[in-house]
Structure formats: structure tokens, C-alpha cells
């Protein structure tokens, strides 16, 4: 059974921080990505990380505030989110790609495995 389970979401005040975790089980993954989706909007790419953790990618809107990392010993990927704003309110999703898959990472269709999503709410 392959699962990706997000945790660490919730309510935070503007300017605060949250760290999302995504624990994987069932297989080993090459690349992880984080996406988010606000009501009435498309699912947007936030960040991705390579197997080694040495290569990371960010969308420009969050690069200065968000940091993606992974711990392969724990099969877990993280998204540290700082300076959160009300505009960051969304459901956040973890996604993963197996070894041997394509190198593309920007679109939801580039990922075959997804977590259930976790709510992040930022109060003003």
C-alpha cells in the first residue's frame, strides 16, 4: 500500500510559521513536490526536491519564505513556511515521483502519487 500522509497544518496568525510534513510508505520516491489549491483556483506548484536533497525548485512567490527539505531515513519531506500571509490559505498537497519517472516537476500531472491534502489557514 502506497501512502503519502501530510501533517502539520492548521491555523496560524499572519507572519507566523508552520512546518508541513509528508510521510511516505510503501515504496521509495525520487522526487517530492508540494502544491496548494485555494477554493475556486487551480492546484499550483510550490516547491520540489531531488532525491539527494541538493537540488530544490521554488515558484517565485514563495522562494523567499518557504523551504523544502527531505529526510530519506524517515521517508519524509518537509515544507517550512515562514512569514505566512492570509493569501497563503489553501489546501496543501504532497506529491511524489518514483525512480525512473520523468524529470518534470512543475505540473500536477507530473506526479503519480498524492497525499490527501491538509488545510492551512492564516488569520490577519
C-alpha atoms as a PDB file:
ATOM      1  CA  UNK A   1       0.000   0.000   0.000  1.00  0.00           C
ATOM      2  CA  UNK A   2       1.495   3.313  -1.133  1.00  0.00           C
ATOM      3  CA  UNK A   3       0.594   6.284   1.010  1.00  0.00           C
ATOM      4  CA  UNK A   4       1.585   9.909   1.406  1.00  0.00           C
ATOM      5  CA  UNK A   5       0.271  11.485   4.584  1.00  0.00           C
ATOM      6  CA  UNK A   6       0.560  15.200   5.282  1.00  0.00           C
ATOM      7  CA  UNK A   7       0.619  16.677   8.759  1.00  0.00           C
ATOM      8  CA  UNK A   8       1.467  19.942  10.470  1.00  0.00           C
ATOM      9  CA  UNK A   9      -1.212  22.180   9.021  1.00  0.00           C
ATOM     10  CA  UNK A  10      -3.698  24.275  10.905  1.00  0.00           C
ATOM     11  CA  UNK A  11      -4.339  27.863  11.883  1.00  0.00           C
ATOM     12  CA  UNK A  12      -1.570  30.411  12.251  1.00  0.00           C
ATOM     13  CA  UNK A  13      -1.516  34.180  12.596  1.00  0.00           C
ATOM     14  CA  UNK A  14      -0.163  36.367   9.827  1.00  0.00           C
ATOM     15  CA  UNK A  15       3.603  36.497   9.990  1.00  0.00           C
ATOM     16  CA  UNK A  16       3.805  33.145  11.697  1.00  0.00           C
ATOM     17  CA  UNK A  17       5.292  29.855  10.591  1.00  0.00           C
ATOM     18  CA  UNK A  18       4.260  26.276  10.022  1.00  0.00           C
ATOM     19  CA  UNK A  19       6.166  23.177   9.018  1.00  0.00           C
ATOM     20  CA  UNK A  20       4.315  20.655   6.930  1.00  0.00           C
ATOM     21  CA  UNK A  21       5.438  17.046   6.880  1.00  0.00           C
ATOM     22  CA  UNK A  22       4.686  14.341   4.342  1.00  0.00           C
ATOM     23  CA  UNK A  23       5.443  10.780   5.350  1.00  0.00           C
ATOM     24  CA  UNK A  24       5.693   8.202   2.594  1.00  0.00           C
ATOM     25  CA  UNK A  25       5.219   4.479   2.860  1.00  0.00           C
ATOM     26  CA  UNK A  26       5.018   1.543   0.501  1.00  0.00           C
ATOM     27  CA  UNK A  27       7.855   2.491  -1.841  1.00  0.00           C
ATOM     28  CA  UNK A  28      10.827   4.767  -2.374  1.00  0.00           C
ATOM     29  CA  UNK A  29      10.375   8.025  -4.269  1.00  0.00           C
ATOM     30  CA  UNK A  30      12.824  10.016  -6.350  1.00  0.00           C
ATOM     31  CA  UNK A  31      11.336  13.487  -6.225  1.00  0.00           C
ATOM     32  CA  UNK A  32       8.817  15.168  -3.965  1.00  0.00           C
ATOM     33  CA  UNK A  33       6.755  18.214  -4.685  1.00  0.00           C
ATOM     34  CA  UNK A  34       4.447  20.499  -2.766  1.00  0.00           C
ATOM     35  CA  UNK A  35       1.359  22.073  -4.275  1.00  0.00           C
ATOM     36  CA  UNK A  36      -1.525  24.104  -2.936  1.00  0.00           C
ATOM     37  CA  UNK A  37      -5.049  24.805  -4.032  1.00  0.00           C
ATOM     38  CA  UNK A  38      -7.304  27.606  -2.847  1.00  0.00           C
ATOM     39  CA  UNK A  39     -11.079  27.472  -3.332  1.00  0.00           C
ATOM     40  CA  UNK A  40     -12.012  28.186  -6.929  1.00  0.00           C
ATOM     41  CA  UNK A  41      -8.399  28.108  -8.097  1.00  0.00           C
ATOM     42  CA  UNK A  42      -6.128  25.650  -9.828  1.00  0.00           C
ATOM     43  CA  UNK A  43      -3.643  23.492  -7.998  1.00  0.00           C
ATOM     44  CA  UNK A  44      -0.387  25.455  -8.044  1.00  0.00           C
ATOM     45  CA  UNK A  45       3.196  24.282  -7.797  1.00  0.00           C
ATOM     46  CA  UNK A  46       5.153  25.472  -4.779  1.00  0.00           C
ATOM     47  CA  UNK A  47       8.389  23.537  -4.481  1.00  0.00           C
ATOM     48  CA  UNK A  48      10.180  20.333  -5.444  1.00  0.00           C
ATOM     49  CA  UNK A  49      13.253  18.477  -4.230  1.00  0.00           C
ATOM     50  CA  UNK A  50      15.567  15.907  -5.783  1.00  0.00           C
ATOM     51  CA  UNK A  51      16.446  12.528  -4.293  1.00  0.00           C
ATOM     52  CA  UNK A  52      19.682  13.785  -2.752  1.00  0.00           C
ATOM     53  CA  UNK A  53      18.087  16.947  -1.446  1.00  0.00           C
ATOM     54  CA  UNK A  54      20.799  19.028  -3.093  1.00  0.00           C
ATOM     55  CA  UNK A  55      18.565  20.371  -5.846  1.00  0.00           C
ATOM     56  CA  UNK A  56      15.446  22.311  -4.993  1.00  0.00           C
ATOM     57  CA  UNK A  57      12.962  24.308  -7.028  1.00  0.00           C
ATOM     58  CA  UNK A  58      10.522  27.003  -5.956  1.00  0.00           C
ATOM     59  CA  UNK A  59       7.885  29.131  -7.500  1.00  0.00           C
ATOM     60  CA  UNK A  60       8.883  32.785  -7.284  1.00  0.00           C
ATOM     61  CA  UNK A  61       6.046  33.754  -4.997  1.00  0.00           C
ATOM     62  CA  UNK A  62       7.283  31.572  -2.125  1.00  0.00           C
ATOM     63  CA  UNK A  63      11.026  31.194  -2.681  1.00  0.00           C
ATOM     64  CA  UNK A  64      11.948  33.789  -0.064  1.00  0.00           C
ATOM     65  CA  UNK A  65       9.631  32.317   2.556  1.00  0.00           C
ATOM     66  CA  UNK A  66       9.311  28.556   2.027  1.00  0.00           C
ATOM     67  CA  UNK A  67      11.961  25.852   2.278  1.00  0.00           C
ATOM     68  CA  UNK A  68      11.604  22.270   1.112  1.00  0.00           C
ATOM     69  CA  UNK A  69      13.738  19.508   2.592  1.00  0.00           C
ATOM     70  CA  UNK A  70      13.690  15.740   2.970  1.00  0.00           C
ATOM     71  CA  UNK A  71      14.895  13.052   5.318  1.00  0.00           C
ATOM     72  CA  UNK A  72      15.330   9.844   3.368  1.00  0.00           C
ATOM     73  CA  UNK A  73      15.920   7.805   6.508  1.00  0.00           C
ATOM     74  CA  UNK A  74      12.402   8.749   7.588  1.00  0.00           C
ATOM     75  CA  UNK A  75      10.920   8.748   4.073  1.00  0.00           C
ATOM     76  CA  UNK A  76       9.608  12.201   4.841  1.00  0.00           C
ATOM     77  CA  UNK A  77       9.575  15.513   3.008  1.00  0.00           C
ATOM     78  CA  UNK A  78       9.026  18.855   4.726  1.00  0.00           C
ATOM     79  CA  UNK A  79       7.864  22.299   3.787  1.00  0.00           C
ATOM     80  CA  UNK A  80       8.911  25.028   6.183  1.00  0.00           C
ATOM     81  CA  UNK A  81       6.665  28.035   5.684  1.00  0.00           C
ATOM     82  CA  UNK A  82       7.627  31.377   7.191  1.00  0.00           C
ATOM     83  CA  UNK A  83       6.044  34.822   7.086  1.00  0.00           C
ATOM     84  CA  UNK A  84       2.671  33.365   6.250  1.00  0.00           C
ATOM     85  CA  UNK A  85       0.006  35.691   4.902  1.00  0.00           C
ATOM     86  CA  UNK A  86      -3.759  35.332   4.504  1.00  0.00           C
ATOM     87  CA  UNK A  87      -3.178  34.761   0.795  1.00  0.00           C
ATOM     88  CA  UNK A  88      -1.415  31.519   1.700  1.00  0.00           C
ATOM     89  CA  UNK A  89      -4.658  29.979   2.921  1.00  0.00           C
ATOM     90  CA  UNK A  90      -5.208  26.814   0.916  1.00  0.00           C
ATOM     91  CA  UNK A  91      -5.178  23.063   0.985  1.00  0.00           C
ATOM     92  CA  UNK A  92      -1.577  21.906   0.696  1.00  0.00           C
ATOM     93  CA  UNK A  93      -0.691  18.674  -1.079  1.00  0.00           C
ATOM     94  CA  UNK A  94       2.378  16.499  -1.070  1.00  0.00           C
ATOM     95  CA  UNK A  95       3.191  14.645  -4.287  1.00  0.00           C
ATOM     96  CA  UNK A  96       5.854  12.121  -5.233  1.00  0.00           C
ATOM     97  CA  UNK A  97       7.523  10.559  -8.261  1.00  0.00           C
ATOM     98  CA  UNK A  98       9.152   7.118  -8.363  1.00  0.00           C
ATOM     99  CA  UNK A  99      12.622   6.398  -9.690  1.00  0.00           C
ATOM    100  CA  UNK A 100      12.604   6.051 -13.452  1.00  0.00           C
ATOM    101  CA  UNK A 101       9.893   8.631 -13.953  1.00  0.00           C
ATOM    102  CA  UNK A 102      10.369  11.805 -15.972  1.00  0.00           C
ATOM    103  CA  UNK A 103      12.319  14.774 -14.689  1.00  0.00           C
ATOM    104  CA  UNK A 104       9.373  17.152 -14.997  1.00  0.00           C
ATOM    105  CA  UNK A 105       8.040  18.573 -11.760  1.00  0.00           C
ATOM    106  CA  UNK A 106       6.003  21.740 -12.327  1.00  0.00           C
ATOM    107  CA  UNK A 107       2.579  20.345 -13.143  1.00  0.00           C
ATOM    108  CA  UNK A 108       0.251  18.163 -11.087  1.00  0.00           C
ATOM    109  CA  UNK A 109       0.176  15.691 -13.966  1.00  0.00           C
ATOM    110  CA  UNK A 110       3.915  15.136 -13.484  1.00  0.00           C
ATOM    111  CA  UNK A 111       3.203  13.254 -10.246  1.00  0.00           C
ATOM    112  CA  UNK A 112       1.515   9.908  -9.872  1.00  0.00           C
ATOM    113  CA  UNK A 113       1.210   9.808  -6.081  1.00  0.00           C
ATOM    114  CA  UNK A 114      -0.542  12.326  -3.859  1.00  0.00           C
ATOM    115  CA  UNK A 115      -1.383  12.899  -0.263  1.00  0.00           C
ATOM    116  CA  UNK A 116      -4.896  13.686   0.859  1.00  0.00           C
ATOM    117  CA  UNK A 117      -4.191  17.381   1.381  1.00  0.00           C
ATOM    118  CA  UNK A 118      -4.036  19.409   4.564  1.00  0.00           C
ATOM    119  CA  UNK A 119      -5.608  22.760   5.372  1.00  0.00           C
ATOM    120  CA  UNK A 120      -3.522  25.825   6.157  1.00  0.00           C
ATOM    121  CA  UNK A 121      -5.375  28.887   7.395  1.00  0.00           C
ATOM    122  CA  UNK A 122      -3.737  32.236   8.122  1.00  0.00           C
ATOM    123  CA  UNK A 123      -5.544  34.808  10.231  1.00  0.00           C
ATOM    124  CA  UNK A 124      -4.960  38.543   9.977  1.00  0.00           C
END
